[in-house]
N, C-alpha and C. Protein backbone atom coordinates (compact mmCIF):
# COMPACT_ATOMS: atom_id res chain seq x y z
N UNK A 1 0.85 -1.17 0.01
CA UNK A 1 -0.02 -0.01 0.00
C UNK A 1 0.90 1.24 0.02
N UNK A 2 0.48 2.29 -0.70
CA UNK A 2 1.22 3.53 -0.76
C UNK A 2 0.47 4.62 -0.03
N UNK A 3 1.22 5.48 0.62
CA UNK A 3 0.65 6.68 1.32
C UNK A 3 0.09 7.59 0.28
N UNK A 4 -1.19 8.07 0.44
CA UNK A 4 -1.73 9.02 -0.51
C UNK A 4 -1.11 10.39 -0.46
N UNK A 5 -0.38 10.72 0.61
CA UNK A 5 0.21 12.03 0.74
C UNK A 5 1.62 12.10 0.15
N UNK A 6 2.49 11.15 0.53
CA UNK A 6 3.86 11.22 0.07
C UNK A 6 4.26 10.06 -0.89
N UNK A 7 3.34 9.14 -1.13
CA UNK A 7 3.52 8.01 -2.00
C UNK A 7 4.54 7.04 -1.51
N UNK A 8 4.85 7.12 -0.21
CA UNK A 8 5.81 6.18 0.40
C UNK A 8 5.19 4.78 0.50
N UNK A 9 6.00 3.77 0.31
CA UNK A 9 5.50 2.37 0.38
C UNK A 9 5.39 1.95 1.82
N UNK A 10 4.13 1.58 2.22
CA UNK A 10 3.85 1.13 3.56
C UNK A 10 3.67 -0.38 3.50
N UNK A 11 4.50 -1.13 4.21
CA UNK A 11 4.50 -2.57 4.11
C UNK A 11 3.42 -3.23 4.97
N UNK A 12 3.17 -2.70 6.13
CA UNK A 12 2.17 -3.29 7.04
C UNK A 12 0.78 -2.83 6.63
N UNK A 13 -0.20 -3.71 6.77
CA UNK A 13 -1.51 -3.40 6.31
C UNK A 13 -2.42 -2.78 7.39
N UNK A 14 -1.95 -2.83 8.63
CA UNK A 14 -2.77 -2.31 9.72
C UNK A 14 -2.24 -1.01 10.35
N UNK A 15 -1.40 -0.28 9.62
CA UNK A 15 -0.85 0.95 10.13
C UNK A 15 -1.90 2.06 10.16
N UNK A 16 -1.77 2.97 11.08
CA UNK A 16 -2.68 4.10 11.14
C UNK A 16 -2.02 5.39 10.72
N UNK A 17 -0.61 5.40 10.74
CA UNK A 17 0.14 6.59 10.38
C UNK A 17 1.20 6.19 9.35
N UNK A 18 1.43 7.08 8.37
CA UNK A 18 2.52 6.83 7.44
C UNK A 18 3.86 7.03 8.15
N UNK A 19 4.78 6.08 8.07
CA UNK A 19 6.03 6.23 8.74
C UNK A 19 6.97 7.28 8.10
N UNK A 20 6.64 7.77 6.89
CA UNK A 20 7.43 8.75 6.20
C UNK A 20 7.03 10.17 6.44
N UNK A 21 5.68 10.45 6.33
CA UNK A 21 5.22 11.82 6.45
C UNK A 21 4.34 12.03 7.67
N UNK A 22 3.92 10.96 8.33
CA UNK A 22 3.11 11.09 9.56
C UNK A 22 1.63 11.25 9.28
N UNK A 23 1.17 11.16 8.04
CA UNK A 23 -0.26 11.31 7.76
C UNK A 23 -1.06 10.19 8.36
N UNK A 24 -2.17 10.56 9.01
CA UNK A 24 -3.03 9.54 9.60
C UNK A 24 -3.87 8.93 8.52
N UNK A 25 -3.96 7.58 8.51
CA UNK A 25 -4.65 6.85 7.43
C UNK A 25 -5.60 5.86 8.05
N UNK A 26 -6.80 5.80 7.55
CA UNK A 26 -7.74 4.78 7.89
C UNK A 26 -7.77 3.74 6.79
N UNK A 27 -7.56 2.47 7.08
CA UNK A 27 -7.42 1.46 6.07
C UNK A 27 -8.68 0.55 6.07
N UNK A 28 -9.16 0.29 4.86
CA UNK A 28 -10.32 -0.62 4.71
C UNK A 28 -9.86 -2.08 4.86
N UNK A 29 -10.82 -2.98 4.87
CA UNK A 29 -10.49 -4.38 5.01
C UNK A 29 -9.71 -4.89 3.81
N UNK A 30 -9.85 -4.24 2.64
CA UNK A 30 -9.15 -4.66 1.43
C UNK A 30 -7.68 -4.17 1.43
N UNK A 31 -7.32 -3.33 2.42
CA UNK A 31 -5.95 -2.83 2.47
C UNK A 31 -5.72 -1.55 1.71
N UNK A 32 -6.78 -0.94 1.17
CA UNK A 32 -6.62 0.31 0.46
C UNK A 32 -7.01 1.48 1.42
N UNK A 33 -6.30 2.60 1.31
CA UNK A 33 -6.69 3.70 2.18
C UNK A 33 -8.04 4.24 1.74
N UNK A 34 -8.92 4.47 2.74
CA UNK A 34 -10.25 4.99 2.38
C UNK A 34 -10.30 6.48 2.61
N UNK A 35 -9.81 6.97 3.74
CA UNK A 35 -9.86 8.38 4.02
C UNK A 35 -8.71 8.83 4.87
N UNK A 36 -7.86 9.73 4.37
CA UNK A 36 -6.86 10.26 5.29
C UNK A 36 -7.52 11.22 6.26
N UNK A 37 -7.19 11.10 7.55
CA UNK A 37 -7.85 11.93 8.52
C UNK A 37 -7.06 13.19 8.82
N UNK A 38 -5.76 13.19 8.56
CA UNK A 38 -4.95 14.36 8.88
C UNK A 38 -3.77 14.40 7.92
N UNK A 39 -3.54 15.56 7.35
CA UNK A 39 -2.43 15.78 6.46
C UNK A 39 -1.61 16.95 6.98
N UNK A 40 -0.44 16.70 7.58
CA UNK A 40 0.32 17.77 8.20
C UNK A 40 0.83 18.81 7.19
N UNK A 41 0.89 18.46 5.91
CA UNK A 41 1.35 19.41 4.88
C UNK A 41 0.33 20.48 4.64
N UNK A 42 -0.95 20.21 4.77
CA UNK A 42 -2.01 21.15 4.53
C UNK A 42 -2.98 21.17 5.70
N UNK A 43 -2.66 21.86 6.80
CA UNK A 43 -3.53 21.78 7.97
C UNK A 43 -4.88 22.46 7.77
N UNK A 44 -5.02 23.33 6.76
CA UNK A 44 -6.27 24.00 6.52
C UNK A 44 -7.19 23.26 5.59
N UNK A 45 -6.81 22.07 5.16
CA UNK A 45 -7.61 21.32 4.24
C UNK A 45 -7.89 19.92 4.77
N UNK A 46 -8.99 19.37 4.34
CA UNK A 46 -9.29 17.98 4.62
C UNK A 46 -9.29 17.22 3.32
N UNK A 47 -9.02 15.94 3.33
CA UNK A 47 -8.98 15.15 2.10
C UNK A 47 -9.88 13.94 2.24
N UNK A 48 -10.45 13.55 1.18
CA UNK A 48 -11.28 12.30 1.24
C UNK A 48 -10.98 11.49 -0.02
N UNK A 49 -10.94 10.21 0.13
CA UNK A 49 -10.61 9.32 -0.99
C UNK A 49 -11.83 9.14 -1.86
N UNK A 50 -11.61 9.29 -3.15
CA UNK A 50 -12.62 9.00 -4.16
C UNK A 50 -11.93 8.10 -5.21
N UNK A 51 -12.66 7.25 -5.86
CA UNK A 51 -12.04 6.43 -6.86
C UNK A 51 -11.26 7.27 -7.87
N UNK A 52 -10.00 6.93 -8.04
CA UNK A 52 -9.21 7.65 -9.02
C UNK A 52 -8.32 8.71 -8.35
N UNK A 53 -8.45 8.96 -7.05
CA UNK A 53 -7.60 9.96 -6.43
C UNK A 53 -8.14 10.51 -5.17
N UNK A 54 -7.63 11.61 -4.74
CA UNK A 54 -8.05 12.26 -3.48
C UNK A 54 -8.60 13.59 -3.85
N UNK A 55 -9.63 14.02 -3.10
CA UNK A 55 -10.24 15.31 -3.23
C UNK A 55 -9.87 16.12 -1.97
N UNK A 56 -9.58 17.38 -2.10
CA UNK A 56 -9.41 18.21 -0.94
C UNK A 56 -10.49 19.25 -0.90
N UNK A 57 -10.82 19.70 0.29
CA UNK A 57 -11.81 20.75 0.46
C UNK A 57 -11.31 21.72 1.51
N UNK A 58 -11.53 23.00 1.35
CA UNK A 58 -11.11 24.02 2.29
C UNK A 58 -12.04 23.97 3.51
N UNK A 59 -11.59 24.57 4.56
CA UNK A 59 -12.39 24.64 5.79
C UNK A 59 -13.66 25.49 5.53
N UNK A 60 -14.77 25.16 6.23
CA UNK A 60 -15.95 26.00 6.12
C UNK A 60 -15.63 27.37 6.70
N UNK A 61 -16.20 28.40 6.08
CA UNK A 61 -15.97 29.79 6.48
C UNK A 61 -17.03 30.19 7.47
N UNK A 62 -16.63 30.93 8.49
CA UNK A 62 -17.55 31.44 9.50
C UNK A 62 -18.50 32.45 8.82
N UNK A 63 -19.80 32.29 9.11
CA UNK A 63 -20.80 33.19 8.54
C UNK A 63 -20.62 34.59 9.08
N UNK A 64 -20.28 34.71 10.34
CA UNK A 64 -20.04 36.01 10.96
C UNK A 64 -18.89 36.74 10.27
N UNK A 65 -17.86 35.99 9.85
CA UNK A 65 -16.71 36.60 9.14
C UNK A 65 -17.16 37.15 7.80
N UNK A 66 -18.00 36.41 7.11
CA UNK A 66 -18.53 36.89 5.80
C UNK A 66 -19.39 38.13 6.00
N UNK A 67 -20.26 38.10 7.04
CA UNK A 67 -21.08 39.27 7.31
C UNK A 67 -20.22 40.46 7.62
N UNK A 68 -19.18 40.28 8.39
CA UNK A 68 -18.28 41.40 8.71
C UNK A 68 -17.63 42.02 7.47
N UNK A 69 -17.14 41.12 6.60
CA UNK A 69 -16.52 41.61 5.36
C UNK A 69 -17.52 42.32 4.49
N UNK A 70 -18.73 41.80 4.33
CA UNK A 70 -19.76 42.38 3.48
C UNK A 70 -20.15 43.77 4.01
N UNK A 71 -20.36 43.86 5.31
CA UNK A 71 -20.76 45.16 5.84
C UNK A 71 -19.59 46.15 5.88
N UNK A 72 -18.35 45.65 5.98
CA UNK A 72 -17.21 46.51 5.89
C UNK A 72 -17.08 47.15 4.50
N UNK A 73 -17.38 46.37 3.49
CA UNK A 73 -17.37 46.88 2.11
C UNK A 73 -18.57 47.77 1.84
N UNK A 74 -19.73 47.31 2.28
CA UNK A 74 -20.98 48.06 2.09
C UNK A 74 -20.93 49.42 2.74
N UNK A 75 -20.21 49.57 3.86
CA UNK A 75 -20.11 50.84 4.55
C UNK A 75 -19.44 51.91 3.77
N UNK A 76 -18.63 51.56 2.80
CA UNK A 76 -18.01 52.58 1.93
C UNK A 76 -18.98 53.24 0.99
N UNK A 77 -20.10 52.57 0.74
CA UNK A 77 -21.06 53.06 -0.25
C UNK A 77 -22.38 53.51 0.38
N UNK A 78 -22.75 53.02 1.52
CA UNK A 78 -24.00 53.37 2.19
C UNK A 78 -23.75 53.52 3.67
N UNK A 79 -24.57 54.11 4.43
CA UNK A 79 -24.59 54.30 5.84
C UNK A 79 -23.33 53.84 6.58
N UNK A 80 -22.22 54.59 6.52
CA UNK A 80 -20.97 54.12 7.06
C UNK A 80 -21.01 53.84 8.56
N UNK A 81 -21.72 54.60 9.35
CA UNK A 81 -21.71 54.41 10.79
C UNK A 81 -22.39 53.10 11.15
N UNK A 82 -23.55 52.87 10.59
CA UNK A 82 -24.30 51.65 10.89
C UNK A 82 -23.57 50.42 10.38
N UNK A 83 -23.14 50.48 9.14
CA UNK A 83 -22.42 49.31 8.55
C UNK A 83 -21.12 49.05 9.28
N UNK A 84 -20.41 50.10 9.69
CA UNK A 84 -19.14 49.86 10.36
C UNK A 84 -19.29 49.22 11.72
N UNK A 85 -20.37 49.65 12.42
CA UNK A 85 -20.64 48.98 13.71
C UNK A 85 -20.99 47.54 13.54
N UNK A 86 -21.80 47.24 12.54
CA UNK A 86 -22.14 45.81 12.28
C UNK A 86 -20.89 45.04 11.89
N UNK A 87 -20.02 45.63 11.07
CA UNK A 87 -18.80 44.96 10.64
C UNK A 87 -17.87 44.67 11.83
N UNK A 88 -17.78 45.64 12.74
CA UNK A 88 -16.89 45.46 13.90
C UNK A 88 -17.45 44.38 14.85
N UNK A 89 -18.75 44.44 15.13
CA UNK A 89 -19.34 43.45 16.04
C UNK A 89 -19.28 42.06 15.46
N UNK A 90 -19.66 41.94 14.17
CA UNK A 90 -19.66 40.63 13.52
C UNK A 90 -18.24 40.07 13.41
N UNK A 91 -17.28 40.97 13.14
CA UNK A 91 -15.87 40.55 13.02
C UNK A 91 -15.32 40.00 14.33
N UNK A 92 -15.60 40.69 15.43
CA UNK A 92 -15.15 40.22 16.72
C UNK A 92 -15.85 38.90 17.12
N UNK A 93 -17.08 38.78 16.81
CA UNK A 93 -17.81 37.55 17.06
C UNK A 93 -17.23 36.41 16.23
N UNK A 94 -16.89 36.65 15.00
CA UNK A 94 -16.29 35.64 14.14
C UNK A 94 -14.92 35.21 14.66
N UNK A 95 -14.11 36.19 15.11
CA UNK A 95 -12.80 35.86 15.61
C UNK A 95 -12.92 34.92 16.84
N UNK A 96 -13.86 35.26 17.75
CA UNK A 96 -14.08 34.33 18.88
C UNK A 96 -14.58 32.96 18.47
N UNK A 97 -15.48 32.93 17.50
CA UNK A 97 -16.03 31.69 17.02
C UNK A 97 -14.94 30.83 16.34
N UNK A 98 -14.08 31.45 15.58
CA UNK A 98 -12.98 30.72 14.88
C UNK A 98 -11.97 30.21 15.88
N UNK A 99 -11.63 31.00 16.88
CA UNK A 99 -10.70 30.56 17.88
C UNK A 99 -11.26 29.42 18.72
N UNK A 100 -12.55 29.43 18.98
CA UNK A 100 -13.16 28.33 19.75
C UNK A 100 -13.35 27.05 18.96
N UNK A 101 -13.24 27.13 17.62
CA UNK A 101 -13.49 25.96 16.79
C UNK A 101 -12.26 24.99 16.72
N UNK A 102 -11.15 25.43 17.27
CA UNK A 102 -9.91 24.59 17.22
C UNK A 102 -9.50 24.16 15.84
N UNK A 103 -9.53 25.12 14.91
CA UNK A 103 -9.07 24.85 13.56
C UNK A 103 -10.09 24.21 12.61
N UNK A 104 -11.31 24.06 13.02
CA UNK A 104 -12.33 23.46 12.17
C UNK A 104 -13.12 24.51 11.38
N UNK A 105 -12.82 25.80 11.61
CA UNK A 105 -13.55 26.86 10.99
C UNK A 105 -12.59 27.89 10.46
N UNK A 106 -12.79 28.37 9.24
CA UNK A 106 -11.92 29.35 8.64
C UNK A 106 -12.57 30.69 8.53
N UNK A 107 -11.85 31.68 7.99
CA UNK A 107 -12.42 33.00 7.74
C UNK A 107 -11.83 34.08 8.63
N UNK A 108 -10.70 33.80 9.27
CA UNK A 108 -10.11 34.85 10.16
C UNK A 108 -9.68 36.04 9.33
N UNK A 109 -9.23 35.81 8.13
CA UNK A 109 -8.83 36.97 7.25
C UNK A 109 -10.02 37.84 6.94
N UNK A 110 -11.13 37.20 6.65
CA UNK A 110 -12.34 37.99 6.32
C UNK A 110 -12.77 38.81 7.54
N UNK A 111 -12.72 38.18 8.72
CA UNK A 111 -13.13 38.86 9.95
C UNK A 111 -12.21 40.03 10.19
N UNK A 112 -10.87 39.86 10.05
CA UNK A 112 -9.91 40.89 10.30
C UNK A 112 -10.13 42.07 9.27
N UNK A 113 -10.39 41.72 8.02
CA UNK A 113 -10.65 42.75 7.01
C UNK A 113 -11.89 43.56 7.37
N UNK A 114 -12.96 42.87 7.78
CA UNK A 114 -14.18 43.58 8.14
C UNK A 114 -13.98 44.49 9.37
N UNK A 115 -13.28 43.98 10.35
CA UNK A 115 -12.98 44.81 11.55
C UNK A 115 -12.18 46.03 11.17
N UNK A 116 -11.16 45.81 10.36
CA UNK A 116 -10.27 46.92 9.96
C UNK A 116 -11.04 48.00 9.20
N UNK A 117 -11.88 47.58 8.22
CA UNK A 117 -12.68 48.53 7.45
C UNK A 117 -13.69 49.23 8.33
N UNK A 118 -14.27 48.49 9.30
CA UNK A 118 -15.23 49.11 10.23
C UNK A 118 -14.60 50.18 11.05
N UNK A 119 -13.43 49.95 11.64
CA UNK A 119 -12.76 50.93 12.47
C UNK A 119 -12.30 52.13 11.62
N UNK A 120 -11.83 51.90 10.40
CA UNK A 120 -11.41 53.01 9.53
C UNK A 120 -12.63 53.87 9.21
N UNK A 121 -13.76 53.23 8.89
CA UNK A 121 -14.99 54.03 8.55
C UNK A 121 -15.47 54.83 9.74
N UNK A 122 -15.42 54.21 10.96
CA UNK A 122 -15.86 54.94 12.15
C UNK A 122 -14.92 56.17 12.38
N UNK A 123 -13.62 55.94 12.24
CA UNK A 123 -12.68 57.07 12.44
C UNK A 123 -12.92 58.17 11.41
N UNK A 124 -13.10 57.78 10.16
CA UNK A 124 -13.35 58.83 9.06
C UNK A 124 -14.66 59.56 9.35
N UNK A 125 -15.68 58.81 9.79
CA UNK A 125 -16.99 59.43 10.06
C UNK A 125 -16.84 60.42 11.18
N UNK A 126 -16.13 60.02 12.28
CA UNK A 126 -15.93 60.95 13.40
C UNK A 126 -15.13 62.18 12.98
N UNK A 127 -14.08 61.97 12.17
CA UNK A 127 -13.25 63.09 11.69
C UNK A 127 -14.08 64.05 10.86
N UNK A 128 -14.93 63.48 9.98
CA UNK A 128 -15.71 64.38 9.10
C UNK A 128 -16.80 65.14 9.90
N UNK A 129 -17.34 64.53 10.93
CA UNK A 129 -18.32 65.19 11.79
C UNK A 129 -17.67 66.31 12.55
N UNK A 130 -16.44 66.08 13.09
CA UNK A 130 -15.75 67.11 13.81
C UNK A 130 -15.38 68.27 12.85
N UNK A 131 -14.88 67.88 11.62
CA UNK A 131 -14.53 68.89 10.65
C UNK A 131 -15.73 69.74 10.26
N UNK A 132 -16.93 69.10 10.05
CA UNK A 132 -18.12 69.88 9.71
C UNK A 132 -18.52 70.78 10.88
N UNK A 133 -18.40 70.31 12.11
CA UNK A 133 -18.80 71.10 13.30
C UNK A 133 -17.88 72.33 13.39
N UNK A 134 -16.57 72.12 13.24
CA UNK A 134 -15.59 73.20 13.31
C UNK A 134 -15.81 74.21 12.18
N UNK A 135 -16.11 73.73 11.00
CA UNK A 135 -16.37 74.61 9.83
C UNK A 135 -17.61 75.45 10.09
N UNK A 136 -18.65 74.83 10.57
CA UNK A 136 -19.91 75.56 10.85
C UNK A 136 -19.68 76.55 11.97
N UNK A 137 -18.90 76.16 12.97
CA UNK A 137 -18.62 77.06 14.08
C UNK A 137 -17.82 78.29 13.60
N UNK A 138 -16.81 78.04 12.72
CA UNK A 138 -16.03 79.14 12.20
C UNK A 138 -16.82 80.04 11.33
N UNK A 139 -17.71 79.53 10.49
CA UNK A 139 -18.56 80.32 9.64
C UNK A 139 -19.54 81.12 10.50
N UNK A 140 -20.06 80.52 11.58
CA UNK A 140 -21.01 81.20 12.47
C UNK A 140 -20.33 82.32 13.26
N UNK A 141 -19.06 82.13 13.64
CA UNK A 141 -18.33 83.15 14.39
C UNK A 141 -18.00 84.34 13.50
N UNK A 142 -17.67 84.07 12.28
CA UNK A 142 -17.31 85.15 11.36
C UNK A 142 -18.49 86.10 11.16
N UNK A 143 -19.64 85.52 11.13
CA UNK A 143 -20.85 86.35 11.01
C UNK A 143 -20.98 87.06 9.68
N UNK A 144 -22.12 87.78 9.49
CA UNK A 144 -22.31 88.44 8.22
C UNK A 144 -21.64 89.84 8.18
N UNK A 145 -20.68 90.09 8.80
CA UNK A 145 -20.18 91.30 8.66
C UNK A 145 -19.26 92.19 8.96
């Protein structure tokens, strides 16, 4: 039997780990690998055996991370204060959710991007409000005359 990860020749039929790369292998009664359970080369992916080869699939993405990213982008075009608050809250929730999943959930980059855009939008909104207030105050102090 050959290891599906490194193609190393495995002589024993009841092994659970490849002696060459350390990949965990579940072996069927026929002696063919059915599903690798862990591949240290690609910790963010899972693999499953299908006739003719192996398929890999990426980790599922946190919904809160996607919401954070979407509202972070949406805030640049509509209601920046509301969208940025939603992006920040959803992003922090996603980061907690991803950390608690022990590597079974992805999307930390989306969450970080949503949080970053949310904070930038809040800061720009606050700056523009202060600038507008100071401008109106200066125009009001100058008076008509």
